[in-house]
Full PDB file with SEQRES, HELIX, SHEET, SSBOND, CRYST1, ORIGX, SCALE, CONECT and MASTER records, all heavy atoms in Angstrom:
SEQRES   1 A   36  CYS LEU CYS ARG LEU LEU ASP MET GLU ASN PRO GLU LEU          
SEQRES   2 A   36  ALA ILE VAL PHE VAL ARG THR LYS ARG ARG ALA ASP GLU          
SEQRES   3 A   36  VAL THR GLU ALA LEU LYS LYS ARG GLY TYR                      
HELIX    1 AA1 LEU A    2  GLU A    9  1                                   8    
HELIX    2 AA2 LYS A   21  LYS A   33  1                                  13    
CRYST1    1.000    1.000    1.000  90.00  90.00  90.00 P 1           1          
ORIGX1      1.000000  0.000000  0.000000        0.00000                         
ORIGX2      0.000000  1.000000  0.000000        0.00000                         
ORIGX3      0.000000  0.000000  1.000000        0.00000                         
SCALE1      1.000000  0.000000  0.000000        0.00000                         
SCALE2      0.000000  1.000000  0.000000        0.00000                         
SCALE3      0.000000  0.000000  1.000000        0.00000                         
ATOM      1  N   CYS A   1      21.429 -23.520 -23.727  1.00  0.00           N  
ATOM      2  CA  CYS A   1      21.534 -24.716 -22.889  1.00  0.00           C  
ATOM      3  C   CYS A   1      21.425 -24.345 -21.400  1.00  0.00           C  
ATOM      4  O   CYS A   1      20.716 -25.026 -20.631  1.00  0.00           O  
ATOM      5  CB  CYS A   1      22.863 -25.447 -23.155  1.00  0.00           C  
ATOM      6  SG  CYS A   1      23.052 -26.969 -22.247  1.00  0.00           S  
ATOM      7  N   LEU A   2      22.093 -23.245 -21.007  1.00  0.00           N  
ATOM      8  CA  LEU A   2      22.019 -22.778 -19.613  1.00  0.00           C  
ATOM      9  C   LEU A   2      20.568 -22.478 -19.253  1.00  0.00           C  
ATOM     10  O   LEU A   2      20.095 -22.887 -18.172  1.00  0.00           O  
ATOM     11  CB  LEU A   2      22.884 -21.535 -19.435  1.00  0.00           C  
ATOM     12  CG  LEU A   2      22.798 -20.850 -18.053  1.00  0.00           C  
ATOM     13  CD1 LEU A   2      23.377 -21.748 -16.969  1.00  0.00           C  
ATOM     14  CD2 LEU A   2      23.514 -19.506 -18.070  1.00  0.00           C  
ATOM     15  N   CYS A   3      19.846 -21.777 -20.117  1.00  0.00           N  
ATOM     16  CA  CYS A   3      18.464 -21.413 -19.817  1.00  0.00           C  
ATOM     17  C   CYS A   3      17.580 -22.667 -19.667  1.00  0.00           C  
ATOM     18  O   CYS A   3      16.730 -22.730 -18.773  1.00  0.00           O  
ATOM     19  CB  CYS A   3      17.901 -20.524 -20.920  1.00  0.00           C  
ATOM     20  SG  CYS A   3      18.703 -18.881 -20.945  1.00  0.00           S  
ATOM     21  N   ARG A   4      17.822 -23.661 -20.521  1.00  0.00           N  
ATOM     22  CA  ARG A   4      17.038 -24.908 -20.415  1.00  0.00           C  
ATOM     23  C   ARG A   4      17.327 -25.610 -19.088  1.00  0.00           C  
ATOM     24  O   ARG A   4      16.414 -26.108 -18.423  1.00  0.00           O  
ATOM     25  CB  ARG A   4      17.370 -25.836 -21.576  1.00  0.00           C  
ATOM     26  CG  ARG A   4      16.760 -25.387 -22.887  1.00  0.00           C  
ATOM     27  CD  ARG A   4      17.015 -26.363 -24.012  1.00  0.00           C  
ATOM     28  NE  ARG A   4      16.469 -25.859 -25.272  1.00  0.00           N  
ATOM     29  CZ  ARG A   4      16.451 -26.537 -26.394  1.00  0.00           C  
ATOM     30  NH1 ARG A   4      16.930 -27.760 -26.437  1.00  0.00           N  
ATOM     31  NH2 ARG A   4      15.926 -26.004 -27.487  1.00  0.00           N  
ATOM     32  N   LEU A   5      18.595 -25.629 -18.689  1.00  0.00           N  
ATOM     33  CA  LEU A   5      18.960 -26.265 -17.414  1.00  0.00           C  
ATOM     34  C   LEU A   5      18.335 -25.519 -16.233  1.00  0.00           C  
ATOM     35  O   LEU A   5      17.834 -26.131 -15.290  1.00  0.00           O  
ATOM     36  CB  LEU A   5      20.480 -26.336 -17.254  1.00  0.00           C  
ATOM     37  CG  LEU A   5      21.224 -27.316 -18.164  1.00  0.00           C  
ATOM     38  CD1 LEU A   5      22.721 -27.082 -18.087  1.00  0.00           C  
ATOM     39  CD2 LEU A   5      20.913 -28.754 -17.795  1.00  0.00           C  
ATOM     40  N   LEU A   6      18.362 -24.194 -16.291  1.00  0.00           N  
ATOM     41  CA  LEU A   6      17.760 -23.375 -15.209  1.00  0.00           C  
ATOM     42  C   LEU A   6      16.268 -23.653 -15.122  1.00  0.00           C  
ATOM     43  O   LEU A   6      15.708 -23.752 -14.027  1.00  0.00           O  
ATOM     44  CB  LEU A   6      18.027 -21.899 -15.457  1.00  0.00           C  
ATOM     45  CG  LEU A   6      19.475 -21.405 -15.287  1.00  0.00           C  
ATOM     46  CD1 LEU A   6      19.616 -19.981 -15.799  1.00  0.00           C  
ATOM     47  CD2 LEU A   6      19.944 -21.513 -13.854  1.00  0.00           C  
ATOM     48  N   ASP A   7      15.600 -23.789 -16.288  1.00  0.00           N  
ATOM     49  CA  ASP A   7      14.175 -24.056 -16.306  1.00  0.00           C  
ATOM     50  C   ASP A   7      13.872 -25.458 -15.764  1.00  0.00           C  
ATOM     51  O   ASP A   7      12.882 -25.649 -15.051  1.00  0.00           O  
ATOM     52  CB  ASP A   7      13.604 -23.913 -17.720  1.00  0.00           C  
ATOM     53  CG  ASP A   7      13.642 -22.467 -18.211  1.00  0.00           C  
ATOM     54  OD1 ASP A   7      13.799 -21.579 -17.358  1.00  0.00           O  
ATOM     55  OD2 ASP A   7      13.536 -22.244 -19.410  1.00  0.00           O  
ATOM     56  N   MET A   8      14.688 -26.425 -16.135  1.00  0.00           N  
ATOM     57  CA  MET A   8      14.488 -27.816 -15.727  1.00  0.00           C  
ATOM     58  C   MET A   8      14.746 -28.012 -14.223  1.00  0.00           C  
ATOM     59  O   MET A   8      14.037 -28.710 -13.533  1.00  0.00           O  
ATOM     60  CB  MET A   8      15.430 -28.741 -16.481  1.00  0.00           C  
ATOM     61  CG  MET A   8      14.977 -29.156 -17.845  1.00  0.00           C  
ATOM     62  SD  MET A   8      16.317 -30.021 -18.677  1.00  0.00           S  
ATOM     63  CE  MET A   8      16.626 -31.385 -17.575  1.00  0.00           C  
ATOM     64  N   GLU A   9      15.857 -27.398 -13.758  1.00  0.00           N  
ATOM     65  CA  GLU A   9      16.367 -27.708 -12.417  1.00  0.00           C  
ATOM     66  C   GLU A   9      15.880 -26.723 -11.352  1.00  0.00           C  
ATOM     67  O   GLU A   9      15.941 -27.008 -10.160  1.00  0.00           O  
ATOM     68  CB  GLU A   9      17.898 -27.761 -12.447  1.00  0.00           C  
ATOM     69  CG  GLU A   9      18.389 -28.956 -13.284  1.00  0.00           C  
ATOM     70  CD  GLU A   9      19.843 -28.850 -13.721  1.00  0.00           C  
ATOM     71  OE1 GLU A   9      20.481 -27.791 -13.492  1.00  0.00           O  
ATOM     72  OE2 GLU A   9      20.352 -29.826 -14.284  1.00  0.00           O  
ATOM     73  N   ASN A  10      15.448 -25.556 -11.794  1.00  0.00           N  
ATOM     74  CA  ASN A  10      14.897 -24.536 -10.885  1.00  0.00           C  
ATOM     75  C   ASN A  10      15.748 -24.384  -9.616  1.00  0.00           C  
ATOM     76  O   ASN A  10      15.266 -24.561  -8.502  1.00  0.00           O  
ATOM     77  CB  ASN A  10      13.451 -24.916 -10.520  1.00  0.00           C  
ATOM     78  CG  ASN A  10      12.727 -23.770  -9.850  1.00  0.00           C  
ATOM     79  OD1 ASN A  10      13.030 -22.610 -10.080  1.00  0.00           O  
ATOM     80  ND2 ASN A  10      11.787 -24.103  -8.976  1.00  0.00           N  
ATOM     81  N   PRO A  11      17.052 -24.022  -9.783  1.00  0.00           N  
ATOM     82  CA  PRO A  11      17.912 -23.954  -8.594  1.00  0.00           C  
ATOM     83  C   PRO A  11      17.495 -22.881  -7.609  1.00  0.00           C  
ATOM     84  O   PRO A  11      17.025 -21.814  -8.005  1.00  0.00           O  
ATOM     85  CB  PRO A  11      19.301 -23.630  -9.188  1.00  0.00           C  
ATOM     86  CG  PRO A  11      19.003 -23.027 -10.530  1.00  0.00           C  
ATOM     87  CD  PRO A  11      17.733 -23.639 -11.008  1.00  0.00           C  
ATOM     88  N   GLU A  12      17.671 -23.186  -6.307  1.00  0.00           N  
ATOM     89  CA  GLU A  12      17.349 -22.180  -5.283  1.00  0.00           C  
ATOM     90  C   GLU A  12      18.328 -21.029  -5.378  1.00  0.00           C  
ATOM     91  O   GLU A  12      17.963 -19.861  -5.409  1.00  0.00           O  
ATOM     92  CB  GLU A  12      17.419 -22.820  -3.908  1.00  0.00           C  
ATOM     93  CG  GLU A  12      16.215 -23.711  -3.597  1.00  0.00           C  
ATOM     94  CD  GLU A  12      16.374 -24.385  -2.246  1.00  0.00           C  
ATOM     95  OE1 GLU A  12      16.858 -23.734  -1.297  1.00  0.00           O  
ATOM     96  OE2 GLU A  12      16.025 -25.574  -2.158  1.00  0.00           O  
ATOM     97  N   LEU A  13      19.629 -21.373  -5.383  1.00  0.00           N  
ATOM     98  CA  LEU A  13      20.686 -20.377  -5.574  1.00  0.00           C  
ATOM     99  C   LEU A  13      21.719 -20.988  -6.515  1.00  0.00           C  
ATOM    100  O   LEU A  13      22.214 -22.106  -6.248  1.00  0.00           O  
ATOM    101  CB  LEU A  13      21.368 -20.018  -4.252  1.00  0.00           C  
ATOM    102  CG  LEU A  13      20.629 -19.152  -3.263  1.00  0.00           C  
ATOM    103  CD1 LEU A  13      21.481 -18.939  -2.006  1.00  0.00           C  
ATOM    104  CD2 LEU A  13      20.220 -17.801  -3.820  1.00  0.00           C  
ATOM    105  N   ALA A  14      22.058 -20.276  -7.589  1.00  0.00           N  
ATOM    106  CA  ALA A  14      23.016 -20.823  -8.565  1.00  0.00           C  
ATOM    107  C   ALA A  14      24.102 -19.808  -8.855  1.00  0.00           C  
ATOM    108  O   ALA A  14      23.838 -18.591  -8.917  1.00  0.00           O  
ATOM    109  CB  ALA A  14      22.301 -21.189  -9.859  1.00  0.00           C  
ATOM    110  N   ILE A  15      25.329 -20.304  -9.009  1.00  0.00           N  
ATOM    111  CA  ILE A  15      26.439 -19.441  -9.467  1.00  0.00           C  
ATOM    112  C   ILE A  15      26.833 -19.918 -10.868  1.00  0.00           C  
ATOM    113  O   ILE A  15      27.074 -21.114 -11.083  1.00  0.00           O  
ATOM    114  CB  ILE A  15      27.661 -19.479  -8.544  1.00  0.00           C  
ATOM    115  CG1 ILE A  15      27.281 -19.044  -7.120  1.00  0.00           C  
ATOM    116  CG2 ILE A  15      28.767 -18.563  -9.084  1.00  0.00           C  
ATOM    117  CD1 ILE A  15      28.433 -19.027  -6.129  1.00  0.00           C  
ATOM    118  N   VAL A  16      26.884 -18.975 -11.814  1.00  0.00           N  
ATOM    119  CA  VAL A  16      27.317 -19.268 -13.177  1.00  0.00           C  
ATOM    120  C   VAL A  16      28.707 -18.662 -13.320  1.00  0.00           C  
ATOM    121  O   VAL A  16      28.872 -17.432 -13.238  1.00  0.00           O  
ATOM    122  CB  VAL A  16      26.352 -18.644 -14.233  1.00  0.00           C  
ATOM    123  CG1 VAL A  16      26.842 -18.889 -15.633  1.00  0.00           C  
ATOM    124  CG2 VAL A  16      24.939 -19.178 -14.026  1.00  0.00           C  
ATOM    125  N   PHE A  17      29.720 -19.523 -13.500  1.00  0.00           N  
ATOM    126  CA  PHE A  17      31.091 -19.023 -13.619  1.00  0.00           C  
ATOM    127  C   PHE A  17      31.483 -18.801 -15.062  1.00  0.00           C  
ATOM    128  O   PHE A  17      31.299 -19.672 -15.916  1.00  0.00           O  
ATOM    129  CB  PHE A  17      32.083 -20.034 -12.974  1.00  0.00           C  
ATOM    130  CG  PHE A  17      32.134 -19.955 -11.488  1.00  0.00           C  
ATOM    131  CD1 PHE A  17      31.523 -20.928 -10.703  1.00  0.00           C  
ATOM    132  CD2 PHE A  17      32.812 -18.919 -10.858  1.00  0.00           C  
ATOM    133  CE1 PHE A  17      31.574 -20.869  -9.318  1.00  0.00           C  
ATOM    134  CE2 PHE A  17      32.864 -18.846  -9.477  1.00  0.00           C  
ATOM    135  CZ  PHE A  17      32.243 -19.813  -8.698  1.00  0.00           C  
ATOM    136  N   VAL A  18      32.002 -17.602 -15.318  1.00  0.00           N  
ATOM    137  CA  VAL A  18      32.455 -17.251 -16.663  1.00  0.00           C  
ATOM    138  C   VAL A  18      33.918 -16.801 -16.597  1.00  0.00           C  
ATOM    139  O   VAL A  18      34.454 -16.539 -15.527  1.00  0.00           O  
ATOM    140  CB  VAL A  18      31.594 -16.118 -17.261  1.00  0.00           C  
ATOM    141  CG1 VAL A  18      30.175 -16.572 -17.519  1.00  0.00           C  
ATOM    142  CG2 VAL A  18      31.596 -14.882 -16.370  1.00  0.00           C  
ATOM    143  N   ARG A  19      34.531 -16.720 -17.781  1.00  0.00           N  
ATOM    144  CA  ARG A  19      35.972 -16.493 -17.810  1.00  0.00           C  
ATOM    145  C   ARG A  19      36.382 -15.012 -17.794  1.00  0.00           C  
ATOM    146  O   ARG A  19      37.425 -14.666 -17.327  1.00  0.00           O  
ATOM    147  CB  ARG A  19      36.561 -17.179 -19.050  1.00  0.00           C  
ATOM    148  CG  ARG A  19      38.048 -17.444 -18.960  1.00  0.00           C  
ATOM    149  CD  ARG A  19      38.527 -18.257 -20.139  1.00  0.00           C  
ATOM    150  NE  ARG A  19      38.334 -19.676 -19.926  1.00  0.00           N  
ATOM    151  CZ  ARG A  19      38.218 -20.558 -20.918  1.00  0.00           C  
ATOM    152  NH1 ARG A  19      38.255 -20.160 -22.161  1.00  0.00           N  
ATOM    153  NH2 ARG A  19      38.062 -21.836 -20.646  1.00  0.00           N  
ATOM    154  N   THR A  20      35.548 -14.161 -18.385  1.00  0.00           N  
ATOM    155  CA  THR A  20      35.946 -12.745 -18.501  1.00  0.00           C  
ATOM    156  C   THR A  20      34.850 -11.821 -17.972  1.00  0.00           C  
ATOM    157  O   THR A  20      33.679 -12.180 -17.873  1.00  0.00           O  
ATOM    158  CB  THR A  20      36.224 -12.356 -19.986  1.00  0.00           C  
ATOM    159  OG1 THR A  20      35.011 -12.496 -20.726  1.00  0.00           O  
ATOM    160  CG2 THR A  20      37.290 -13.256 -20.601  1.00  0.00           C  
ATOM    161  N   LYS A  21      35.248 -10.576 -17.683  1.00  0.00           N  
ATOM    162  CA  LYS A  21      34.327  -9.568 -17.190  1.00  0.00           C  
ATOM    163  C   LYS A  21      33.267  -9.246 -18.248  1.00  0.00           C  
ATOM    164  O   LYS A  21      32.104  -9.076 -17.951  1.00  0.00           O  
ATOM    165  CB  LYS A  21      35.087  -8.272 -16.850  1.00  0.00           C  
ATOM    166  CG  LYS A  21      36.129  -8.471 -15.751  1.00  0.00           C  
ATOM    167  CD  LYS A  21      37.001  -7.230 -15.629  1.00  0.00           C  
ATOM    168  CE  LYS A  21      38.423  -7.646 -15.306  1.00  0.00           C  
ATOM    169  NZ  LYS A  21      39.355  -6.533 -15.270  1.00  0.00           N  
ATOM    170  N   ARG A  22      33.734  -9.183 -19.524  1.00  0.00           N  
ATOM    171  CA  ARG A  22      32.819  -8.890 -20.622  1.00  0.00           C  
ATOM    172  C   ARG A  22      31.740  -9.977 -20.702  1.00  0.00           C  
ATOM    173  O   ARG A  22      30.558  -9.708 -20.870  1.00  0.00           O  
ATOM    174  CB  ARG A  22      33.578  -8.778 -21.949  1.00  0.00           C  
ATOM    175  CG  ARG A  22      32.730  -8.218 -23.077  1.00  0.00           C  
ATOM    176  CD  ARG A  22      33.412  -8.363 -24.419  1.00  0.00           C  
ATOM    177  NE  ARG A  22      34.803  -7.973 -24.366  1.00  0.00           N  
ATOM    178  CZ  ARG A  22      35.773  -8.557 -25.087  1.00  0.00           C  
ATOM    179  NH1 ARG A  22      35.460  -9.542 -25.914  1.00  0.00           N  
ATOM    180  NH2 ARG A  22      37.005  -8.154 -25.016  1.00  0.00           N  
ATOM    181  N   ARG A  23      32.188 -11.230 -20.579  1.00  0.00           N  
ATOM    182  CA  ARG A  23      31.272 -12.355 -20.654  1.00  0.00           C  
ATOM    183  C   ARG A  23      30.253 -12.290 -19.484  1.00  0.00           C  
ATOM    184  O   ARG A  23      29.086 -12.588 -19.661  1.00  0.00           O  
ATOM    185  CB  ARG A  23      32.068 -13.652 -20.611  1.00  0.00           C  
ATOM    186  CG  ARG A  23      31.233 -14.897 -20.737  1.00  0.00           C  
ATOM    187  CD  ARG A  23      31.001 -15.326 -22.173  1.00  0.00           C  
ATOM    188  NE  ARG A  23      31.664 -16.554 -22.446  1.00  0.00           N  
ATOM    189  CZ  ARG A  23      31.492 -17.293 -23.526  1.00  0.00           C  
ATOM    190  NH1 ARG A  23      30.643 -16.874 -24.466  1.00  0.00           N  
ATOM    191  NH2 ARG A  23      32.143 -18.407 -23.721  1.00  0.00           N  
ATOM    192  N   ALA A  24      30.754 -11.893 -18.299  1.00  0.00           N  
ATOM    193  CA  ALA A  24      29.853 -11.776 -17.144  1.00  0.00           C  
ATOM    194  C   ALA A  24      28.738 -10.794 -17.434  1.00  0.00           C  
ATOM    195  O   ALA A  24      27.560 -11.052 -17.154  1.00  0.00           O  
ATOM    196  CB  ALA A  24      30.646 -11.376 -15.913  1.00  0.00           C  
ATOM    197  N   ASP A  25      29.102  -9.634 -17.996  1.00  0.00           N  
ATOM    198  CA  ASP A  25      28.087  -8.601 -18.322  1.00  0.00           C  
ATOM    199  C   ASP A  25      27.103  -9.125 -19.383  1.00  0.00           C  
ATOM    200  O   ASP A  25      25.894  -8.938 -19.260  1.00  0.00           O  
ATOM    201  CB  ASP A  25      28.783  -7.352 -18.829  1.00  0.00           C  
ATOM    202  CG  ASP A  25      29.483  -6.583 -17.715  1.00  0.00           C  
ATOM    203  OD1 ASP A  25      29.104  -6.758 -16.552  1.00  0.00           O  
ATOM    204  OD2 ASP A  25      30.403  -5.808 -18.029  1.00  0.00           O  
ATOM    205  N   GLU A  26      27.634  -9.783 -20.414  1.00  0.00           N  
ATOM    206  CA  GLU A  26      26.784 -10.266 -21.527  1.00  0.00           C  
ATOM    207  C   GLU A  26      25.787 -11.322 -21.032  1.00  0.00           C  
ATOM    208  O   GLU A  26      24.607 -11.263 -21.331  1.00  0.00           O  
ATOM    209  CB  GLU A  26      27.649 -10.875 -22.635  1.00  0.00           C  
ATOM    210  CG  GLU A  26      28.436  -9.845 -23.440  1.00  0.00           C  
ATOM    211  CD  GLU A  26      29.508 -10.456 -24.333  1.00  0.00           C  
ATOM    212  OE1 GLU A  26      29.693 -11.708 -24.300  1.00  0.00           O  
ATOM    213  OE2 GLU A  26      30.173  -9.699 -25.055  1.00  0.00           O  
ATOM    214  N   VAL A  27      26.280 -12.293 -20.243  1.00  0.00           N  
ATOM    215  CA  VAL A  27      25.417 -13.387 -19.769  1.00  0.00           C  
ATOM    216  C   VAL A  27      24.360 -12.819 -18.808  1.00  0.00           C  
ATOM    217  O   VAL A  27      23.186 -13.194 -18.862  1.00  0.00           O  
ATOM    218  CB  VAL A  27      26.245 -14.526 -19.135  1.00  0.00           C  
ATOM    219  CG1 VAL A  27      25.350 -15.562 -18.463  1.00  0.00           C  
ATOM    220  CG2 VAL A  27      27.125 -15.206 -20.173  1.00  0.00           C  
ATOM    221  N   THR A  28      24.801 -11.911 -17.919  1.00  0.00           N  
ATOM    222  CA  THR A  28      23.850 -11.315 -16.941  1.00  0.00           C  
ATOM    223  C   THR A  28      22.720 -10.593 -17.677  1.00  0.00           C  
ATOM    224  O   THR A  28      21.553 -10.793 -17.376  1.00  0.00           O  
ATOM    225  CB  THR A  28      24.597 -10.334 -16.012  1.00  0.00           C  
ATOM    226  OG1 THR A  28      25.665 -11.004 -15.367  1.00  0.00           O  
ATOM    227  CG2 THR A  28      23.655  -9.762 -14.964  1.00  0.00           C  
ATOM    228  N   GLU A  29      23.089  -9.742 -18.643  1.00  0.00           N  
ATOM    229  CA  GLU A  29      22.065  -8.975 -19.387  1.00  0.00           C  
ATOM    230  C   GLU A  29      21.122  -9.886 -20.135  1.00  0.00           C  
ATOM    231  O   GLU A  29      19.910  -9.686 -20.165  1.00  0.00           O  
ATOM    232  CB  GLU A  29      22.736  -7.978 -20.351  1.00  0.00           C  
ATOM    233  CG  GLU A  29      23.329  -6.758 -19.684  1.00  0.00           C  
ATOM    234  CD  GLU A  29      22.362  -6.092 -18.683  1.00  0.00           C  
ATOM    235  OE1 GLU A  29      21.238  -5.753 -19.098  1.00  0.00           O  
ATOM    236  OE2 GLU A  29      22.718  -5.949 -17.510  1.00  0.00           O  
ATOM    237  N   ALA A  30      21.671 -10.930 -20.783  1.00  0.00           N  
ATOM    238  CA  ALA A  30      20.860 -11.862 -21.553  1.00  0.00           C  
ATOM    239  C   ALA A  30      19.877 -12.624 -20.632  1.00  0.00           C  
ATOM    240  O   ALA A  30      18.730 -12.856 -21.001  1.00  0.00           O  
ATOM    241  CB  ALA A  30      21.749 -12.837 -22.320  1.00  0.00           C  
ATOM    242  N   LEU A  31      20.360 -13.013 -19.438  1.00  0.00           N  
ATOM    243  CA  LEU A  31      19.480 -13.703 -18.484  1.00  0.00           C  
ATOM    244  C   LEU A  31      18.354 -12.767 -18.011  1.00  0.00           C  
ATOM    245  O   LEU A  31      17.191 -13.180 -17.924  1.00  0.00           O  
ATOM    246  CB  LEU A  31      20.294 -14.198 -17.280  1.00  0.00           C  
ATOM    247  CG  LEU A  31      21.154 -15.440 -17.475  1.00  0.00           C  
ATOM    248  CD1 LEU A  31      22.071 -15.659 -16.285  1.00  0.00           C  
ATOM    249  CD2 LEU A  31      20.297 -16.695 -17.721  1.00  0.00           C  
ATOM    250  N   LYS A  32      18.700 -11.530 -17.718  1.00  0.00           N  
ATOM    251  CA  LYS A  32      17.688 -10.558 -17.264  1.00  0.00           C  
ATOM    252  C   LYS A  32      16.613 -10.361 -18.342  1.00  0.00           C  
ATOM    253  O   LYS A  32      15.416 -10.270 -18.055  1.00  0.00           O  
ATOM    254  CB  LYS A  32      18.345  -9.211 -16.951  1.00  0.00           C  
ATOM    255  CG  LYS A  32      19.077  -9.192 -15.627  1.00  0.00           C  
ATOM    256  CD  LYS A  32      19.702  -7.831 -15.428  1.00  0.00           C  
ATOM    257  CE  LYS A  32      20.332  -7.652 -14.071  1.00  0.00           C  
ATOM    258  NZ  LYS A  32      21.000  -6.357 -13.934  1.00  0.00           N  
ATOM    259  N   LYS A  33      17.044 -10.297 -19.622  1.00  0.00           N  
ATOM    260  CA  LYS A  33      16.099 -10.096 -20.723  1.00  0.00           C  
ATOM    261  C   LYS A  33      15.127 -11.268 -20.820  1.00  0.00           C  
ATOM    262  O   LYS A  33      14.001 -11.118 -21.291  1.00  0.00           O  
ATOM    263  CB  LYS A  33      16.855  -9.928 -22.050  1.00  0.00           C  
ATOM    264  CG  LYS A  33      17.394  -8.517 -22.236  1.00  0.00           C  
ATOM    265  CD  LYS A  33      18.192  -8.392 -23.524  1.00  0.00           C  
ATOM    266  CE  LYS A  33      18.805  -6.978 -23.621  1.00  0.00           C  
ATOM    267  NZ  LYS A  33      19.808  -6.912 -24.681  1.00  0.00           N  
ATOM    268  N   ARG A  34      15.579 -12.442 -20.413  1.00  0.00           N  
ATOM    269  CA  ARG A  34      14.700 -13.630 -20.462  1.00  0.00           C  
ATOM    270  C   ARG A  34      13.896 -13.783 -19.154  1.00  0.00           C  
ATOM    271  O   ARG A  34      13.203 -14.790 -18.981  1.00  0.00           O  
ATOM    272  CB  ARG A  34      15.520 -14.889 -20.703  1.00  0.00           C  
ATOM    273  CG  ARG A  34      16.039 -14.975 -22.127  1.00  0.00           C  
ATOM    274  CD  ARG A  34      16.171 -16.413 -22.590  1.00  0.00           C  
ATOM    275  NE  ARG A  34      16.805 -16.480 -23.897  1.00  0.00           N  
ATOM    276  CZ  ARG A  34      17.070 -17.626 -24.528  1.00  0.00           C  
ATOM    277  NH1 ARG A  34      16.774 -18.774 -23.938  1.00  0.00           N  
ATOM    278  NH2 ARG A  34      17.629 -17.632 -25.708  1.00  0.00           N  
ATOM    279  N   GLY A  35      14.026 -12.826 -18.263  1.00  0.00           N  
ATOM    280  CA  GLY A  35      13.188 -12.825 -17.062  1.00  0.00           C  
ATOM    281  C   GLY A  35      13.782 -13.507 -15.846  1.00  0.00           C  
ATOM    282  O   GLY A  35      13.069 -13.696 -14.844  1.00  0.00           O  
ATOM    283  N   TYR A  36      15.054 -13.877 -15.908  1.00  0.00           N  
ATOM    284  CA  TYR A  36      15.686 -14.518 -14.724  1.00  0.00           C  
ATOM    285  C   TYR A  36      16.154 -13.444 -13.757  1.00  0.00           C  
ATOM    286  O   TYR A  36      16.561 -12.338 -14.160  1.00  0.00           O  
ATOM    287  CB  TYR A  36      16.885 -15.361 -15.151  1.00  0.00           C  
ATOM    288  CG  TYR A  36      16.530 -16.529 -16.047  1.00  0.00           C  
ATOM    289  CD1 TYR A  36      16.693 -16.444 -17.422  1.00  0.00           C  
ATOM    290  CD2 TYR A  36      16.024 -17.728 -15.518  1.00  0.00           C  
ATOM    291  CE1 TYR A  36      16.355 -17.512 -18.260  1.00  0.00           C  
ATOM    292  CE2 TYR A  36      15.686 -18.791 -16.331  1.00  0.00           C  
ATOM    293  CZ  TYR A  36      15.859 -18.671 -17.721  1.00  0.00           C  
ATOM    294  OH  TYR A  36      15.533 -19.729 -18.531  1.00  0.00           O  
TER     295      TYR A  36                                                      
MASTER        0    0    0    2    0    0    0    6  294    1    0    3          
END                                                                             
């Protein structure tokens, strides 16, 4: 859902807030793998 929103809205600068450090690493790596 996040990826679809990023593709639709094309934000200039976006902050994605997560609850844990582990989650931050996981989401960051997954976004990078999709080319963000």
